[in-house]
Amino acid sequence: MGVARDLVHNGKTGYRAELKNAGDLAHGIAYILGLRPEEGEKMGRQCRQVGLDCCHPKVQAASYINLFRSLVKEK
């Protein structure tokens, strides 16, 4: 699972199957493979945007700076 809960949103950026549910995984695979090309392209653009919003190095650096500042304030 890892970070997938934050990045994968059913129908928007992919399909996140229920943990330990092979039937749901099969459903998700069929869903993704059944997308029309324009739907797949839209999903790809949305994936990229979510990735940039959550995982861009500048976003990650800002998160660490905020964490460090909060830790310093606690002392």
PDB file of N, CA and C in Angstrom:
ATOM      1  N   MET A   1       0.832  -1.189   0.000  1.00  0.00           N
ATOM      2  CA  MET A   1       0.000   0.000   0.000  1.00  0.00           C
ATOM      3  C   MET A   1       0.874   1.248   0.000  1.00  0.00           C
ATOM      4  N   GLY A   2       1.724   1.402   0.964  1.00  0.00           N
ATOM      5  CA  GLY A   2       2.628   2.539   0.997  1.00  0.00           C
ATOM      6  C   GLY A   2       1.917   3.865   0.850  1.00  0.00           C
ATOM      7  N   VAL A   3       2.445   4.695  -0.020  1.00  0.00           N
ATOM      8  CA  VAL A   3       1.922   6.042  -0.232  1.00  0.00           C
ATOM      9  C   VAL A   3       0.708   6.048  -1.161  1.00  0.00           C
ATOM     10  N   ALA A   4       0.336   4.890  -1.691  1.00  0.00           N
ATOM     11  CA  ALA A   4      -0.752   4.814  -2.673  1.00  0.00           C
ATOM     12  C   ALA A   4      -2.053   5.422  -2.164  1.00  0.00           C
ATOM     13  N   ARG A   5      -2.310   5.335  -0.890  1.00  0.00           N
ATOM     14  CA  ARG A   5      -3.555   5.905  -0.346  1.00  0.00           C
ATOM     15  C   ARG A   5      -3.635   7.401  -0.601  1.00  0.00           C
ATOM     16  N   ASP A   6      -2.490   8.073  -0.613  1.00  0.00           N
ATOM     17  CA  ASP A   6      -2.462   9.512  -0.849  1.00  0.00           C
ATOM     18  C   ASP A   6      -2.509   9.867  -2.330  1.00  0.00           C
ATOM     19  N   LEU A   7      -2.040   8.978  -3.173  1.00  0.00           N
ATOM     20  CA  LEU A   7      -1.875   9.302  -4.582  1.00  0.00           C
ATOM     21  C   LEU A   7      -2.924   8.689  -5.502  1.00  0.00           C
ATOM     22  N   VAL A   8      -3.438   7.531  -5.146  1.00  0.00           N
ATOM     23  CA  VAL A   8      -4.362   6.833  -6.035  1.00  0.00           C
ATOM     24  C   VAL A   8      -5.791   7.056  -5.560  1.00  0.00           C
ATOM     25  N   HIS A   9      -6.563   7.708  -6.410  1.00  0.00           N
ATOM     26  CA  HIS A   9      -7.968   8.000  -6.138  1.00  0.00           C
ATOM     27  C   HIS A   9      -8.790   7.326  -7.226  1.00  0.00           C
ATOM     28  N   ASN A  10      -9.640   6.400  -6.818  1.00  0.00           N
ATOM     29  CA  ASN A  10     -10.410   5.621  -7.792  1.00  0.00           C
ATOM     30  C   ASN A  10     -11.134   6.522  -8.786  1.00  0.00           C
ATOM     31  N   GLY A  11     -10.910   6.199 -10.054  1.00  0.00           N
ATOM     32  CA  GLY A  11     -11.565   6.914 -11.129  1.00  0.00           C
ATOM     33  C   GLY A  11     -10.918   8.224 -11.517  1.00  0.00           C
ATOM     34  N   LYS A  12     -10.017   8.726 -10.681  1.00  0.00           N
ATOM     35  CA  LYS A  12      -9.346   9.989 -10.996  1.00  0.00           C
ATOM     36  C   LYS A  12      -7.885   9.761 -11.377  1.00  0.00           C
ATOM     37  N   THR A  13      -7.161   9.051 -10.534  1.00  0.00           N
ATOM     38  CA  THR A  13      -5.738   8.815 -10.801  1.00  0.00           C
ATOM     39  C   THR A  13      -5.417   7.327 -10.900  1.00  0.00           C
ATOM     40  N   GLY A  14      -6.427   6.507 -10.958  1.00  0.00           N
ATOM     41  CA  GLY A  14      -6.208   5.069 -11.067  1.00  0.00           C
ATOM     42  C   GLY A  14      -7.294   4.301 -10.354  1.00  0.00           C
ATOM     43  N   TYR A  15      -6.921   3.131  -9.878  1.00  0.00           N
ATOM     44  CA  TYR A  15      -7.857   2.295  -9.131  1.00  0.00           C
ATOM     45  C   TYR A  15      -7.090   1.634  -8.004  1.00  0.00           C
ATOM     46  N   ARG A  16      -7.534   1.838  -6.788  1.00  0.00           N
ATOM     47  CA  ARG A  16      -6.896   1.235  -5.619  1.00  0.00           C
ATOM     48  C   ARG A  16      -7.797   0.112  -5.125  1.00  0.00           C
ATOM     49  N   ALA A  17      -7.347  -1.103  -5.346  1.00  0.00           N
ATOM     50  CA  ALA A  17      -8.136  -2.270  -4.952  1.00  0.00           C
ATOM     51  C   ALA A  17      -8.107  -2.450  -3.442  1.00  0.00           C
ATOM     52  N   GLU A  18      -9.154  -3.050  -2.946  1.00  0.00           N
ATOM     53  CA  GLU A  18      -9.230  -3.388  -1.527  1.00  0.00           C
ATOM     54  C   GLU A  18      -8.128  -4.387  -1.199  1.00  0.00           C
ATOM     55  N   LEU A  19      -7.470  -4.171  -0.083  1.00  0.00           N
ATOM     56  CA  LEU A  19      -6.363  -5.020   0.338  1.00  0.00           C
ATOM     57  C   LEU A  19      -6.814  -6.478   0.474  1.00  0.00           C
ATOM     58  N   LYS A  20      -6.040  -7.382  -0.086  1.00  0.00           N
ATOM     59  CA  LYS A  20      -6.256  -8.831  -0.030  1.00  0.00           C
ATOM     60  C   LYS A  20      -7.575  -9.255  -0.689  1.00  0.00           C
ATOM     61  N   ASN A  21      -7.995  -8.511  -1.713  1.00  0.00           N
ATOM     62  CA  ASN A  21      -9.223  -8.832  -2.424  1.00  0.00           C
ATOM     63  C   ASN A  21      -8.903  -8.993  -3.906  1.00  0.00           C
ATOM     64  N   ALA A  22      -8.634 -10.233  -4.307  1.00  0.00           N
ATOM     65  CA  ALA A  22      -8.246 -10.513  -5.690  1.00  0.00           C
ATOM     66  C   ALA A  22      -9.352 -10.137  -6.676  1.00  0.00           C
ATOM     67  N   GLY A  23     -10.591 -10.320  -6.294  1.00  0.00           N
ATOM     68  CA  GLY A  23     -11.701  -9.955  -7.168  1.00  0.00           C
ATOM     69  C   GLY A  23     -11.741  -8.460  -7.445  1.00  0.00           C
ATOM     70  N   ASP A  24     -11.481  -7.678  -6.403  1.00  0.00           N
ATOM     71  CA  ASP A  24     -11.463  -6.227  -6.571  1.00  0.00           C
ATOM     72  C   ASP A  24     -10.268  -5.804  -7.412  1.00  0.00           C
ATOM     73  N   LEU A  25      -9.138  -6.465  -7.228  1.00  0.00           N
ATOM     74  CA  LEU A  25      -7.970  -6.189  -8.066  1.00  0.00           C
ATOM     75  C   LEU A  25      -8.288  -6.478  -9.530  1.00  0.00           C
ATOM     76  N   ALA A  26      -8.927  -7.612  -9.797  1.00  0.00           N
ATOM     77  CA  ALA A  26      -9.316  -7.955 -11.167  1.00  0.00           C
ATOM     78  C   ALA A  26     -10.270  -6.906 -11.726  1.00  0.00           C
ATOM     79  N   HIS A  27     -11.209  -6.461 -10.898  1.00  0.00           N
ATOM     80  CA  HIS A  27     -12.140  -5.412 -11.328  1.00  0.00           C
ATOM     81  C   HIS A  27     -11.375  -4.142 -11.699  1.00  0.00           C
ATOM     82  N   GLY A  28     -10.418  -3.748 -10.878  1.00  0.00           N
ATOM     83  CA  GLY A  28      -9.624  -2.546 -11.137  1.00  0.00           C
ATOM     84  C   GLY A  28      -8.814  -2.646 -12.410  1.00  0.00           C
ATOM     85  N   ILE A  29      -8.223  -3.807 -12.641  1.00  0.00           N
ATOM     86  CA  ILE A  29      -7.445  -4.008 -13.873  1.00  0.00           C
ATOM     87  C   ILE A  29      -8.355  -3.890 -15.086  1.00  0.00           C
ATOM     88  N   ALA A  30      -9.508  -4.536 -15.011  1.00  0.00           N
ATOM     89  CA  ALA A  30     -10.468  -4.462 -16.122  1.00  0.00           C
ATOM     90  C   ALA A  30     -10.939  -3.024 -16.337  1.00  0.00           C
ATOM     91  N   TYR A  31     -11.156  -2.312 -15.247  1.00  0.00           N
ATOM     92  CA  TYR A  31     -11.595  -0.919 -15.339  1.00  0.00           C
ATOM     93  C   TYR A  31     -10.557  -0.074 -16.081  1.00  0.00           C
ATOM     94  N   ILE A  32      -9.306  -0.169 -15.668  1.00  0.00           N
ATOM     95  CA  ILE A  32      -8.240   0.622 -16.288  1.00  0.00           C
ATOM     96  C   ILE A  32      -8.066   0.235 -17.755  1.00  0.00           C
ATOM     97  N   LEU A  33      -8.057  -1.060 -18.036  1.00  0.00           N
ATOM     98  CA  LEU A  33      -7.886  -1.507 -19.423  1.00  0.00           C
ATOM     99  C   LEU A  33      -9.078  -1.133 -20.306  1.00  0.00           C
ATOM    100  N   GLY A  34     -10.232  -0.919 -19.698  1.00  0.00           N
ATOM    101  CA  GLY A  34     -11.426  -0.580 -20.456  1.00  0.00           C
ATOM    102  C   GLY A  34     -11.619   0.911 -20.707  1.00  0.00           C
ATOM    103  N   LEU A  35     -10.717   1.721 -20.201  1.00  0.00           N
ATOM    104  CA  LEU A  35     -10.847   3.162 -20.418  1.00  0.00           C
ATOM    105  C   LEU A  35     -10.668   3.514 -21.888  1.00  0.00           C
ATOM    106  N   ARG A  36     -11.441   4.488 -22.349  1.00  0.00           N
ATOM    107  CA  ARG A  36     -11.223   5.009 -23.703  1.00  0.00           C
ATOM    108  C   ARG A  36      -9.899   5.768 -23.699  1.00  0.00           C
ATOM    109  N   PRO A  37      -9.240   5.886 -24.849  1.00  0.00           N
ATOM    110  CA  PRO A  37      -7.935   6.573 -24.872  1.00  0.00           C
ATOM    111  C   PRO A  37      -7.963   7.962 -24.243  1.00  0.00           C
ATOM    112  N   GLU A  38      -9.011   8.742 -24.506  1.00  0.00           N
ATOM    113  CA  GLU A  38      -9.056  10.090 -23.931  1.00  0.00           C
ATOM    114  C   GLU A  38      -9.236  10.046 -22.413  1.00  0.00           C
ATOM    115  N   GLU A  39      -9.919   9.022 -21.908  1.00  0.00           N
ATOM    116  CA  GLU A  39     -10.063   8.869 -20.456  1.00  0.00           C
ATOM    117  C   GLU A  39      -8.715   8.515 -19.824  1.00  0.00           C
ATOM    118  N   GLY A  40      -7.978   7.633 -20.500  1.00  0.00           N
ATOM    119  CA  GLY A  40      -6.653   7.258 -20.007  1.00  0.00           C
ATOM    120  C   GLY A  40      -5.696   8.438 -20.004  1.00  0.00           C
ATOM    121  N   GLU A  41      -5.774   9.262 -21.043  1.00  0.00           N
ATOM    122  CA  GLU A  41      -4.916  10.448 -21.112  1.00  0.00           C
ATOM    123  C   GLU A  41      -5.274  11.433 -19.997  1.00  0.00           C
ATOM    124  N   LYS A  42      -6.563  11.620 -19.754  1.00  0.00           N
ATOM    125  CA  LYS A  42      -6.999  12.510 -18.678  1.00  0.00           C
ATOM    126  C   LYS A  42      -6.511  11.987 -17.331  1.00  0.00           C
ATOM    127  N   MET A  43      -6.629  10.681 -17.126  1.00  0.00           N
ATOM    128  CA  MET A  43      -6.170  10.083 -15.880  1.00  0.00           C
ATOM    129  C   MET A  43      -4.664  10.284 -15.725  1.00  0.00           C
ATOM    130  N   GLY A  44      -3.939  10.143 -16.817  1.00  0.00           N
ATOM    131  CA  GLY A  44      -2.495  10.357 -16.776  1.00  0.00           C
ATOM    132  C   GLY A  44      -2.138  11.782 -16.370  1.00  0.00           C
ATOM    133  N   ARG A  45      -2.866  12.757 -16.919  1.00  0.00           N
ATOM    134  CA  ARG A  45      -2.622  14.154 -16.549  1.00  0.00           C
ATOM    135  C   ARG A  45      -2.938  14.391 -15.068  1.00  0.00           C
ATOM    136  N   GLN A  46      -4.029  13.790 -14.608  1.00  0.00           N
ATOM    137  CA  GLN A  46      -4.400  13.936 -13.197  1.00  0.00           C
ATOM    138  C   GLN A  46      -3.363  13.279 -12.288  1.00  0.00           C
ATOM    139  N   CYS A  47      -2.835  12.140 -12.710  1.00  0.00           N
ATOM    140  CA  CYS A  47      -1.779  11.463 -11.937  1.00  0.00           C
ATOM    141  C   CYS A  47      -0.563  12.368 -11.793  1.00  0.00           C
ATOM    142  N   ARG A  48      -0.172  12.962 -12.903  1.00  0.00           N
ATOM    143  CA  ARG A  48       0.995  13.843 -12.883  1.00  0.00           C
ATOM    144  C   ARG A  48       0.755  15.017 -11.931  1.00  0.00           C
ATOM    145  N   GLN A  49      -0.432  15.598 -12.002  1.00  0.00           N
ATOM    146  CA  GLN A  49      -0.720  16.750 -11.153  1.00  0.00           C
ATOM    147  C   GLN A  49      -0.706  16.376  -9.673  1.00  0.00           C
ATOM    148  N   VAL A  50      -1.294  15.251  -9.339  1.00  0.00           N
ATOM    149  CA  VAL A  50      -1.280  14.797  -7.939  1.00  0.00           C
ATOM    150  C   VAL A  50       0.155  14.534  -7.497  1.00  0.00           C
ATOM    151  N   GLY A  51       0.942  13.926  -8.373  1.00  0.00           N
ATOM    152  CA  GLY A  51       2.348  13.680  -8.055  1.00  0.00           C
ATOM    153  C   GLY A  51       3.107  14.963  -7.792  1.00  0.00           C
ATOM    154  N   LEU A  52       2.888  15.966  -8.640  1.00  0.00           N
ATOM    155  CA  LEU A  52       3.551  17.249  -8.442  1.00  0.00           C
ATOM    156  C   LEU A  52       3.071  17.934  -7.167  1.00  0.00           C
ATOM    157  N   ASP A  53       1.775  17.866  -6.922  1.00  0.00           N
ATOM    158  CA  ASP A  53       1.212  18.511  -5.732  1.00  0.00           C
ATOM    159  C   ASP A  53       1.706  17.877  -4.442  1.00  0.00           C
ATOM    160  N   CYS A  54       1.937  16.579  -4.450  1.00  0.00           N
ATOM    161  CA  CYS A  54       2.300  15.856  -3.221  1.00  0.00           C
ATOM    162  C   CYS A  54       3.777  15.519  -3.106  1.00  0.00           C
ATOM    163  N   CYS A  55       4.433  15.285  -4.232  1.00  0.00           N
ATOM    164  CA  CYS A  55       5.771  14.686  -4.180  1.00  0.00           C
ATOM    165  C   CYS A  55       6.874  15.516  -4.814  1.00  0.00           C
ATOM    166  N   HIS A  56       6.550  16.674  -5.338  1.00  0.00           N
ATOM    167  CA  HIS A  56       7.587  17.510  -5.945  1.00  0.00           C
ATOM    168  C   HIS A  56       8.645  17.819  -4.888  1.00  0.00           C
ATOM    169  N   PRO A  57       9.906  17.846  -5.271  1.00  0.00           N
ATOM    170  CA  PRO A  57      10.963  18.118  -4.290  1.00  0.00           C
ATOM    171  C   PRO A  57      10.740  19.394  -3.474  1.00  0.00           C
ATOM    172  N   LYS A  58      10.194  20.442  -4.089  1.00  0.00           N
ATOM    173  CA  LYS A  58       9.946  21.677  -3.346  1.00  0.00           C
ATOM    174  C   LYS A  58       8.872  21.468  -2.279  1.00  0.00           C
ATOM    175  N   VAL A  59       7.854  20.668  -2.589  1.00  0.00           N
ATOM    176  CA  VAL A  59       6.803  20.365  -1.620  1.00  0.00           C
ATOM    177  C   VAL A  59       7.381  19.539  -0.480  1.00  0.00           C
ATOM    178  N   GLN A  60       8.188  18.550  -0.821  1.00  0.00           N
ATOM    179  CA  GLN A  60       8.812  17.714   0.207  1.00  0.00           C
ATOM    180  C   GLN A  60       9.746  18.531   1.092  1.00  0.00           C
ATOM    181  N   ALA A  61      10.543  19.411   0.475  1.00  0.00           N
ATOM    182  CA  ALA A  61      11.468  20.248   1.246  1.00  0.00           C
ATOM    183  C   ALA A  61      10.697  21.156   2.201  1.00  0.00           C
ATOM    184  N   ALA A  62       9.609  21.744   1.736  1.00  0.00           N
ATOM    185  CA  ALA A  62       8.801  22.613   2.597  1.00  0.00           C
ATOM    186  C   ALA A  62       8.227  21.829   3.774  1.00  0.00           C
ATOM    187  N   SER A  63       7.835  20.593   3.519  1.00  0.00           N
ATOM    188  CA  SER A  63       7.305  19.752   4.603  1.00  0.00           C
ATOM    189  C   SER A  63       8.367  19.486   5.656  1.00  0.00           C
ATOM    190  N   TYR A  64       9.600  19.199   5.207  1.00  0.00           N
ATOM    191  CA  TYR A  64      10.682  18.966   6.164  1.00  0.00           C
ATOM    192  C   TYR A  64      11.012  20.232   6.943  1.00  0.00           C
ATOM    193  N   ILE A  65      11.022  21.372   6.267  1.00  0.00           N
ATOM    194  CA  ILE A  65      11.298  22.641   6.949  1.00  0.00           C
ATOM    195  C   ILE A  65      10.255  22.882   8.031  1.00  0.00           C
ATOM    196  N   ASN A  66       8.993  22.674   7.693  1.00  0.00           N
ATOM    197  CA  ASN A  66       7.921  22.853   8.681  1.00  0.00           C
ATOM    198  C   ASN A  66       8.069  21.884   9.849  1.00  0.00           C
ATOM    199  N   LEU A  67       8.434  20.651   9.552  1.00  0.00           N
ATOM    200  CA  LEU A  67       8.651  19.667  10.614  1.00  0.00           C
ATOM    201  C   LEU A  67       9.779  20.113  11.539  1.00  0.00           C
ATOM    202  N   PHE A  68      10.905  20.502  10.946  1.00  0.00           N
ATOM    203  CA  PHE A  68      12.046  20.921  11.750  1.00  0.00           C
ATOM    204  C   PHE A  68      11.707  22.145  12.596  1.00  0.00           C
ATOM    205  N   ARG A  69      10.985  23.092  12.010  1.00  0.00           N
ATOM    206  CA  ARG A  69      10.588  24.283  12.770  1.00  0.00           C
ATOM    207  C   ARG A  69       9.688  23.908  13.948  1.00  0.00           C
ATOM    208  N   SER A  70       8.774  22.978  13.716  1.00  0.00           N
ATOM    209  CA  SER A  70       7.867  22.574  14.810  1.00  0.00           C
ATOM    210  C   SER A  70       8.653  21.861  15.914  1.00  0.00           C
ATOM    211  N   LEU A  71       9.664  21.107  15.544  1.00  0.00           N
ATOM    212  CA  LEU A  71      10.466  20.416  16.553  1.00  0.00           C
ATOM    213  C   LEU A  71      11.303  21.392  17.364  1.00  0.00           C
ATOM    214  N   VAL A  72      11.820  22.415  16.708  1.00  0.00           N
ATOM    215  CA  VAL A  72      12.610  23.427  17.412  1.00  0.00           C
ATOM    216  C   VAL A  72      11.722  24.200  18.377  1.00  0.00           C
ATOM    217  N   LYS A  73      10.495  24.523  17.972  1.00  0.00           N
ATOM    218  CA  LYS A  73       9.582  25.260  18.832  1.00  0.00           C
ATOM    219  C   LYS A  73       9.218  24.471  20.086  1.00  0.00           C
ATOM    220  N   GLU A  74       9.182  23.128  19.967  1.00  0.00           N
ATOM    221  CA  GLU A  74       8.819  22.295  21.112  1.00  0.00           C
ATOM    222  C   GLU A  74       9.872  22.310  22.204  1.00  0.00           C
ATOM    223  N   LYS A  75      11.132  22.604  21.869  1.00  0.00           N
ATOM    224  CA  LYS A  75      12.206  22.577  22.861  1.00  0.00           C
ATOM    225  C   LYS A  75      12.259  23.813  23.630  1.00  0.00           C
TER     226      LYS A  75
END
